[in-house]
Amino acid sequence: MLAHIRHSNYAMADKILAVLAADGSAVRWLRSEAKDAGRLIDATAGGRIRSLIVATSGQVILSVVQPETIWKRMRVVVGD
């Protein structure tokens, strides 16, 4: 049950708690906290960050894919 998040990068769809848009001060704070704690995974390959994926493990994954697109892909993989 993998959700495609960029090129050859995938995340376990059933381990995703939230998919957030990358703009906003709360999301920037979450990103900063995850980086400081060593829980940040950058899956952007140098691209513009469009979403943050929060996993059940507490890890935060950066993605260039729009949150709506990731959500649609997750619904296909996991089901409604």
PDB file of N, CA and C in Angstrom:
ATOM      1  N   MET A   1       0.818  -1.173   0.000  1.00  0.00           N
ATOM      2  CA  MET A   1       0.000   0.000   0.000  1.00  0.00           C
ATOM      3  C   MET A   1       0.871   1.250   0.000  1.00  0.00           C
ATOM      4  N   LEU A   2       1.473   1.521  -1.105  1.00  0.00           N
ATOM      5  CA  LEU A   2       2.366   2.665  -1.235  1.00  0.00           C
ATOM      6  C   LEU A   2       1.690   3.794  -2.004  1.00  0.00           C
ATOM      7  N   ALA A   3       1.867   5.013  -1.502  1.00  0.00           N
ATOM      8  CA  ALA A   3       1.363   6.198  -2.191  1.00  0.00           C
ATOM      9  C   ALA A   3       2.545   6.897  -2.855  1.00  0.00           C
ATOM     10  N   HIS A   4       2.435   7.183  -4.124  1.00  0.00           N
ATOM     11  CA  HIS A   4       3.495   7.827  -4.893  1.00  0.00           C
ATOM     12  C   HIS A   4       3.576   9.301  -4.510  1.00  0.00           C
ATOM     13  N   ILE A   5       4.770   9.755  -4.066  1.00  0.00           N
ATOM     14  CA  ILE A   5       4.907  11.151  -3.639  1.00  0.00           C
ATOM     15  C   ILE A   5       5.882  11.957  -4.477  1.00  0.00           C
ATOM     16  N   ARG A   6       6.638  11.316  -5.357  1.00  0.00           N
ATOM     17  CA  ARG A   6       7.548  12.042  -6.265  1.00  0.00           C
ATOM     18  C   ARG A   6       8.422  11.023  -6.973  1.00  0.00           C
ATOM     19  N   HIS A   7       8.553  11.147  -8.273  1.00  0.00           N
ATOM     20  CA  HIS A   7       9.405  10.280  -9.088  1.00  0.00           C
ATOM     21  C   HIS A   7       9.423   8.858  -8.540  1.00  0.00           C
ATOM     22  N   SER A   8      10.524   8.419  -7.962  1.00  0.00           N
ATOM     23  CA  SER A   8      10.636   7.057  -7.434  1.00  0.00           C
ATOM     24  C   SER A   8      10.461   7.014  -5.921  1.00  0.00           C
ATOM     25  N   ASN A   9       9.795   7.995  -5.338  1.00  0.00           N
ATOM     26  CA  ASN A   9       9.597   8.050  -3.891  1.00  0.00           C
ATOM     27  C   ASN A   9       8.162   7.689  -3.541  1.00  0.00           C
ATOM     28  N   TYR A  10       8.023   6.847  -2.536  1.00  0.00           N
ATOM     29  CA  TYR A  10       6.720   6.377  -2.093  1.00  0.00           C
ATOM     30  C   TYR A  10       6.649   6.441  -0.576  1.00  0.00           C
ATOM     31  N   ALA A  11       5.437   6.559  -0.043  1.00  0.00           N
ATOM     32  CA  ALA A  11       5.211   6.514   1.400  1.00  0.00           C
ATOM     33  C   ALA A  11       4.128   5.470   1.663  1.00  0.00           C
ATOM     34  N   MET A  12       4.210   4.832   2.813  1.00  0.00           N
ATOM     35  CA  MET A  12       3.196   3.857   3.191  1.00  0.00           C
ATOM     36  C   MET A  12       1.880   4.598   3.438  1.00  0.00           C
ATOM     37  N   ALA A  13       0.910   4.351   2.586  1.00  0.00           N
ATOM     38  CA  ALA A  13      -0.353   5.087   2.648  1.00  0.00           C
ATOM     39  C   ALA A  13      -1.078   4.878   3.978  1.00  0.00           C
ATOM     40  N   ASP A  14      -0.992   3.690   4.550  1.00  0.00           N
ATOM     41  CA  ASP A  14      -1.697   3.428   5.807  1.00  0.00           C
ATOM     42  C   ASP A  14      -0.953   3.953   7.033  1.00  0.00           C
ATOM     43  N   LYS A  15       0.222   4.552   6.830  1.00  0.00           N
ATOM     44  CA  LYS A  15       1.002   5.133   7.929  1.00  0.00           C
ATOM     45  C   LYS A  15       0.989   6.660   7.904  1.00  0.00           C
ATOM     46  N   ILE A  16       0.188   7.242   7.029  1.00  0.00           N
ATOM     47  CA  ILE A  16       0.124   8.697   6.900  1.00  0.00           C
ATOM     48  C   ILE A  16      -1.009   9.241   7.769  1.00  0.00           C
ATOM     49  N   LEU A  17      -0.663  10.172   8.668  1.00  0.00           N
ATOM     50  CA  LEU A  17      -1.660  10.813   9.524  1.00  0.00           C
ATOM     51  C   LEU A  17      -2.279  12.032   8.865  1.00  0.00           C
ATOM     52  N   ALA A  18      -1.433  12.841   8.206  1.00  0.00           N
ATOM     53  CA  ALA A  18      -1.921  14.090   7.627  1.00  0.00           C
ATOM     54  C   ALA A  18      -1.082  14.483   6.423  1.00  0.00           C
ATOM     55  N   VAL A  19      -1.712  15.171   5.496  1.00  0.00           N
ATOM     56  CA  VAL A  19      -1.028  15.778   4.357  1.00  0.00           C
ATOM     57  C   VAL A  19      -1.376  17.256   4.403  1.00  0.00           C
ATOM     58  N   LEU A  20      -0.352  18.096   4.591  1.00  0.00           N
ATOM     59  CA  LEU A  20      -0.559  19.520   4.810  1.00  0.00           C
ATOM     60  C   LEU A  20       0.031  20.352   3.683  1.00  0.00           C
ATOM     61  N   ALA A  21      -0.627  21.452   3.349  1.00  0.00           N
ATOM     62  CA  ALA A  21      -0.061  22.414   2.405  1.00  0.00           C
ATOM     63  C   ALA A  21       1.160  23.053   3.055  1.00  0.00           C
ATOM     64  N   ALA A  22       2.172  23.357   2.273  1.00  0.00           N
ATOM     65  CA  ALA A  22       3.464  23.814   2.802  1.00  0.00           C
ATOM     66  C   ALA A  22       3.460  25.266   3.266  1.00  0.00           C
ATOM     67  N   ASP A  23       2.420  26.014   2.967  1.00  0.00           N
ATOM     68  CA  ASP A  23       2.407  27.420   3.385  1.00  0.00           C
ATOM     69  C   ASP A  23       1.790  27.548   4.774  1.00  0.00           C
ATOM     70  N   GLY A  24       2.113  28.620   5.447  1.00  0.00           N
ATOM     71  CA  GLY A  24       1.572  28.869   6.779  1.00  0.00           C
ATOM     72  C   GLY A  24       2.627  28.737   7.860  1.00  0.00           C
ATOM     73  N   SER A  25       2.494  29.539   8.886  1.00  0.00           N
ATOM     74  CA  SER A  25       3.503  29.570   9.941  1.00  0.00           C
ATOM     75  C   SER A  25       3.509  28.294  10.776  1.00  0.00           C
ATOM     76  N   ALA A  26       2.344  27.683  11.002  1.00  0.00           N
ATOM     77  CA  ALA A  26       2.298  26.447  11.782  1.00  0.00           C
ATOM     78  C   ALA A  26       3.027  25.315  11.074  1.00  0.00           C
ATOM     79  N   VAL A  27       2.895  25.260   9.759  1.00  0.00           N
ATOM     80  CA  VAL A  27       3.566  24.220   8.982  1.00  0.00           C
ATOM     81  C   VAL A  27       5.076  24.472   8.954  1.00  0.00           C
ATOM     82  N   ARG A  28       5.479  25.737   8.848  1.00  0.00           N
ATOM     83  CA  ARG A  28       6.912  26.056   8.912  1.00  0.00           C
ATOM     84  C   ARG A  28       7.490  25.670  10.267  1.00  0.00           C
ATOM     85  N   TRP A  29       6.719  25.886  11.335  1.00  0.00           N
ATOM     86  CA  TRP A  29       7.159  25.502  12.675  1.00  0.00           C
ATOM     87  C   TRP A  29       7.298  23.986  12.776  1.00  0.00           C
ATOM     88  N   LEU A  30       6.318  23.248  12.250  1.00  0.00           N
ATOM     89  CA  LEU A  30       6.364  21.784  12.266  1.00  0.00           C
ATOM     90  C   LEU A  30       7.592  21.272  11.522  1.00  0.00           C
ATOM     91  N   ARG A  31       7.864  21.864  10.376  1.00  0.00           N
ATOM     92  CA  ARG A  31       9.038  21.485   9.582  1.00  0.00           C
ATOM     93  C   ARG A  31      10.328  21.741  10.356  1.00  0.00           C
ATOM     94  N   SER A  32      10.427  22.895  10.995  1.00  0.00           N
ATOM     95  CA  SER A  32      11.607  23.255  11.773  1.00  0.00           C
ATOM     96  C   SER A  32      11.802  22.310  12.956  1.00  0.00           C
ATOM     97  N   GLU A  33      10.734  21.996  13.654  1.00  0.00           N
ATOM     98  CA  GLU A  33      10.809  21.080  14.800  1.00  0.00           C
ATOM     99  C   GLU A  33      11.245  19.687  14.361  1.00  0.00           C
ATOM    100  N   ALA A  34      10.697  19.199  13.243  1.00  0.00           N
ATOM    101  CA  ALA A  34      11.063  17.880  12.733  1.00  0.00           C
ATOM    102  C   ALA A  34      12.531  17.840  12.321  1.00  0.00           C
ATOM    103  N   LYS A  35      13.005  18.917  11.713  1.00  0.00           N
ATOM    104  CA  LYS A  35      14.408  18.979  11.300  1.00  0.00           C
ATOM    105  C   LYS A  35      15.330  18.955  12.514  1.00  0.00           C
ATOM    106  N   ASP A  36      14.997  19.740  13.524  1.00  0.00           N
ATOM    107  CA  ASP A  36      15.809  19.786  14.747  1.00  0.00           C
ATOM    108  C   ASP A  36      15.838  18.441  15.463  1.00  0.00           C
ATOM    109  N   ALA A  37      14.737  17.687  15.389  1.00  0.00           N
ATOM    110  CA  ALA A  37      14.638  16.394  16.063  1.00  0.00           C
ATOM    111  C   ALA A  37      15.159  15.241  15.208  1.00  0.00           C
ATOM    112  N   GLY A  38      15.572  15.530  13.968  1.00  0.00           N
ATOM    113  CA  GLY A  38      16.079  14.478  13.082  1.00  0.00           C
ATOM    114  C   GLY A  38      14.987  13.599  12.498  1.00  0.00           C
ATOM    115  N   ARG A  39      13.764  14.130  12.417  1.00  0.00           N
ATOM    116  CA  ARG A  39      12.633  13.370  11.888  1.00  0.00           C
ATOM    117  C   ARG A  39      12.160  13.865  10.525  1.00  0.00           C
ATOM    118  N   LEU A  40      12.952  14.719   9.862  1.00  0.00           N
ATOM    119  CA  LEU A  40      12.565  15.308   8.577  1.00  0.00           C
ATOM    120  C   LEU A  40      13.161  14.498   7.432  1.00  0.00           C
ATOM    121  N   ILE A  41      12.313  14.139   6.479  1.00  0.00           N
ATOM    122  CA  ILE A  41      12.743  13.422   5.279  1.00  0.00           C
ATOM    123  C   ILE A  41      12.437  14.316   4.089  1.00  0.00           C
ATOM    124  N   ASP A  42      13.460  14.655   3.319  1.00  0.00           N
ATOM    125  CA  ASP A  42      13.296  15.524   2.152  1.00  0.00           C
ATOM    126  C   ASP A  42      13.200  14.660   0.897  1.00  0.00           C
ATOM    127  N   ALA A  43      11.985  14.557   0.348  1.00  0.00           N
ATOM    128  CA  ALA A  43      11.749  13.778  -0.862  1.00  0.00           C
ATOM    129  C   ALA A  43      11.504  14.690  -2.059  1.00  0.00           C
ATOM    130  N   THR A  44      12.038  15.914  -2.011  1.00  0.00           N
ATOM    131  CA  THR A  44      11.766  16.889  -3.066  1.00  0.00           C
ATOM    132  C   THR A  44      12.762  16.844  -4.214  1.00  0.00           C
ATOM    133  N   ALA A  45      13.918  16.262  -4.008  1.00  0.00           N
ATOM    134  CA  ALA A  45      14.982  16.241  -5.025  1.00  0.00           C
ATOM    135  C   ALA A  45      15.294  17.652  -5.514  1.00  0.00           C
ATOM    136  N   GLY A  46      15.260  18.613  -4.593  1.00  0.00           N
ATOM    137  CA  GLY A  46      15.587  19.988  -4.927  1.00  0.00           C
ATOM    138  C   GLY A  46      14.435  20.809  -5.457  1.00  0.00           C
ATOM    139  N   GLY A  47      13.261  20.219  -5.560  1.00  0.00           N
ATOM    140  CA  GLY A  47      12.098  20.940  -6.075  1.00  0.00           C
ATOM    141  C   GLY A  47      11.427  21.791  -5.011  1.00  0.00           C
ATOM    142  N   ARG A  48      10.438  22.561  -5.431  1.00  0.00           N
ATOM    143  CA  ARG A  48       9.688  23.432  -4.522  1.00  0.00           C
ATOM    144  C   ARG A  48       8.783  22.592  -3.623  1.00  0.00           C
ATOM    145  N   ILE A  49       8.826  22.853  -2.333  1.00  0.00           N
ATOM    146  CA  ILE A  49       8.023  22.105  -1.371  1.00  0.00           C
ATOM    147  C   ILE A  49       6.577  22.570  -1.463  1.00  0.00           C
ATOM    148  N   ARG A  50       5.681  21.633  -1.725  1.00  0.00           N
ATOM    149  CA  ARG A  50       4.267  21.969  -1.834  1.00  0.00           C
ATOM    150  C   ARG A  50       3.436  21.323  -0.726  1.00  0.00           C
ATOM    151  N   SER A  51       3.976  20.257  -0.116  1.00  0.00           N
ATOM    152  CA  SER A  51       3.225  19.604   0.951  1.00  0.00           C
ATOM    153  C   SER A  51       4.150  18.944   1.954  1.00  0.00           C
ATOM    154  N   LEU A  52       3.624  18.759   3.156  1.00  0.00           N
ATOM    155  CA  LEU A  52       4.293  18.021   4.217  1.00  0.00           C
ATOM    156  C   LEU A  52       3.404  16.839   4.565  1.00  0.00           C
ATOM    157  N   ILE A  53       4.019  15.690   4.673  1.00  0.00           N
ATOM    158  CA  ILE A  53       3.298  14.476   5.029  1.00  0.00           C
ATOM    159  C   ILE A  53       3.741  14.092   6.432  1.00  0.00           C
ATOM    160  N   VAL A  54       2.784  13.957   7.340  1.00  0.00           N
ATOM    161  CA  VAL A  54       3.086  13.564   8.707  1.00  0.00           C
ATOM    162  C   VAL A  54       2.756  12.083   8.855  1.00  0.00           C
ATOM    163  N   ALA A  55       3.748  11.298   9.257  1.00  0.00           N
ATOM    164  CA  ALA A  55       3.584   9.853   9.403  1.00  0.00           C
ATOM    165  C   ALA A  55       3.247   9.482  10.844  1.00  0.00           C
ATOM    166  N   THR A  56       2.708   8.294  11.034  1.00  0.00           N
ATOM    167  CA  THR A  56       2.366   7.826  12.372  1.00  0.00           C
ATOM    168  C   THR A  56       3.597   7.702  13.266  1.00  0.00           C
ATOM    169  N   SER A  57       4.760   7.568  12.677  1.00  0.00           N
ATOM    170  CA  SER A  57       6.010   7.450  13.424  1.00  0.00           C
ATOM    171  C   SER A  57       6.516   8.805  13.920  1.00  0.00           C
ATOM    172  N   GLY A  58       5.859   9.891  13.498  1.00  0.00           N
ATOM    173  CA  GLY A  58       6.285  11.230  13.873  1.00  0.00           C
ATOM    174  C   GLY A  58       7.212  11.869  12.856  1.00  0.00           C
ATOM    175  N   GLN A  59       7.575  11.126  11.830  1.00  0.00           N
ATOM    176  CA  GLN A  59       8.425  11.684  10.779  1.00  0.00           C
ATOM    177  C   GLN A  59       7.610  12.628   9.906  1.00  0.00           C
ATOM    178  N   VAL A  60       8.302  13.631   9.365  1.00  0.00           N
ATOM    179  CA  VAL A  60       7.683  14.599   8.464  1.00  0.00           C
ATOM    180  C   VAL A  60       8.395  14.489   7.123  1.00  0.00           C
ATOM    181  N   ILE A  61       7.627  14.262   6.067  1.00  0.00           N
ATOM    182  CA  ILE A  61       8.174  14.075   4.728  1.00  0.00           C
ATOM    183  C   ILE A  61       7.817  15.291   3.879  1.00  0.00           C
ATOM    184  N   LEU A  62       8.828  15.886   3.241  1.00  0.00           N
ATOM    185  CA  LEU A  62       8.607  17.013   2.337  1.00  0.00           C
ATOM    186  C   LEU A  62       8.362  16.474   0.935  1.00  0.00           C
ATOM    187  N   SER A  63       7.384  17.043   0.241  1.00  0.00           N
ATOM    188  CA  SER A  63       7.053  16.581  -1.107  1.00  0.00           C
ATOM    189  C   SER A  63       6.762  17.764  -2.022  1.00  0.00           C
ATOM    190  N   VAL A  64       7.017  17.578  -3.313  1.00  0.00           N
ATOM    191  CA  VAL A  64       6.706  18.606  -4.307  1.00  0.00           C
ATOM    192  C   VAL A  64       5.300  18.426  -4.886  1.00  0.00           C
ATOM    193  N   VAL A  65       4.630  17.378  -4.489  1.00  0.00           N
ATOM    194  CA  VAL A  65       3.294  17.090  -4.999  1.00  0.00           C
ATOM    195  C   VAL A  65       2.267  17.855  -4.154  1.00  0.00           C
ATOM    196  N   GLN A  66       1.243  18.395  -4.814  1.00  0.00           N
ATOM    197  CA  GLN A  66       0.180  19.119  -4.124  1.00  0.00           C
ATOM    198  C   GLN A  66      -0.531  18.183  -3.137  1.00  0.00           C
ATOM    199  N   PRO A  67      -0.972  18.704  -1.984  1.00  0.00           N
ATOM    200  CA  PRO A  67      -1.667  17.870  -0.998  1.00  0.00           C
ATOM    201  C   PRO A  67      -2.904  17.158  -1.571  1.00  0.00           C
ATOM    202  N   GLU A  68      -3.652  17.841  -2.416  1.00  0.00           N
ATOM    203  CA  GLU A  68      -4.852  17.241  -3.005  1.00  0.00           C
ATOM    204  C   GLU A  68      -4.507  16.022  -3.858  1.00  0.00           C
ATOM    205  N   THR A  69      -3.405  16.105  -4.583  1.00  0.00           N
ATOM    206  CA  THR A  69      -2.974  14.996  -5.434  1.00  0.00           C
ATOM    207  C   THR A  69      -2.563  13.803  -4.583  1.00  0.00           C
ATOM    208  N   ILE A  70      -1.818  14.050  -3.514  1.00  0.00           N
ATOM    209  CA  ILE A  70      -1.415  12.951  -2.617  1.00  0.00           C
ATOM    210  C   ILE A  70      -2.655  12.317  -2.003  1.00  0.00           C
ATOM    211  N   TRP A  71      -3.601  13.132  -1.571  1.00  0.00           N
ATOM    212  CA  TRP A  71      -4.826  12.615  -0.979  1.00  0.00           C
ATOM    213  C   TRP A  71      -5.580  11.719  -1.964  1.00  0.00           C
ATOM    214  N   LYS A  72      -5.679  12.149  -3.217  1.00  0.00           N
ATOM    215  CA  LYS A  72      -6.358  11.339  -4.235  1.00  0.00           C
ATOM    216  C   LYS A  72      -5.631  10.014  -4.442  1.00  0.00           C
ATOM    217  N   ARG A  73      -4.308  10.049  -4.479  1.00  0.00           N
ATOM    218  CA  ARG A  73      -3.526   8.822  -4.652  1.00  0.00           C
ATOM    219  C   ARG A  73      -3.707   7.883  -3.457  1.00  0.00           C
ATOM    220  N   MET A  74      -3.767   8.444  -2.256  1.00  0.00           N
ATOM    221  CA  MET A  74      -3.974   7.630  -1.063  1.00  0.00           C
ATOM    222  C   MET A  74      -5.348   6.964  -1.091  1.00  0.00           C
ATOM    223  N   ARG A  75      -6.359   7.689  -1.527  1.00  0.00           N
ATOM    224  CA  ARG A  75      -7.715   7.134  -1.588  1.00  0.00           C
ATOM    225  C   ARG A  75      -7.778   5.973  -2.570  1.00  0.00           C
ATOM    226  N   VAL A  76      -7.024   6.051  -3.654  1.00  0.00           N
ATOM    227  CA  VAL A  76      -6.992   4.968  -4.636  1.00  0.00           C
ATOM    228  C   VAL A  76      -6.326   3.734  -4.022  1.00  0.00           C
ATOM    229  N   VAL A  77      -5.233   3.955  -3.296  1.00  0.00           N
ATOM    230  CA  VAL A  77      -4.472   2.844  -2.724  1.00  0.00           C
ATOM    231  C   VAL A  77      -5.199   2.215  -1.538  1.00  0.00           C
ATOM    232  N   VAL A  78      -5.636   3.040  -0.595  1.00  0.00           N
ATOM    233  CA  VAL A  78      -6.244   2.544   0.635  1.00  0.00           C
ATOM    234  C   VAL A  78      -7.729   2.270   0.449  1.00  0.00           C
ATOM    235  N   GLY A  79      -8.382   3.071  -0.354  1.00  0.00           N
ATOM    236  CA  GLY A  79      -9.819   2.968  -0.550  1.00  0.00           C
ATOM    237  C   GLY A  79     -10.528   4.008   0.284  1.00  0.00           C
ATOM    238  N   ASP A  80     -11.785   4.269  -0.046  1.00  0.00           N
ATOM    239  CA  ASP A  80     -12.545   5.316   0.660  1.00  0.00           C
ATOM    240  C   ASP A  80     -12.891   4.922   2.049  1.00  0.00           C
TER     241      ASP A  80
END
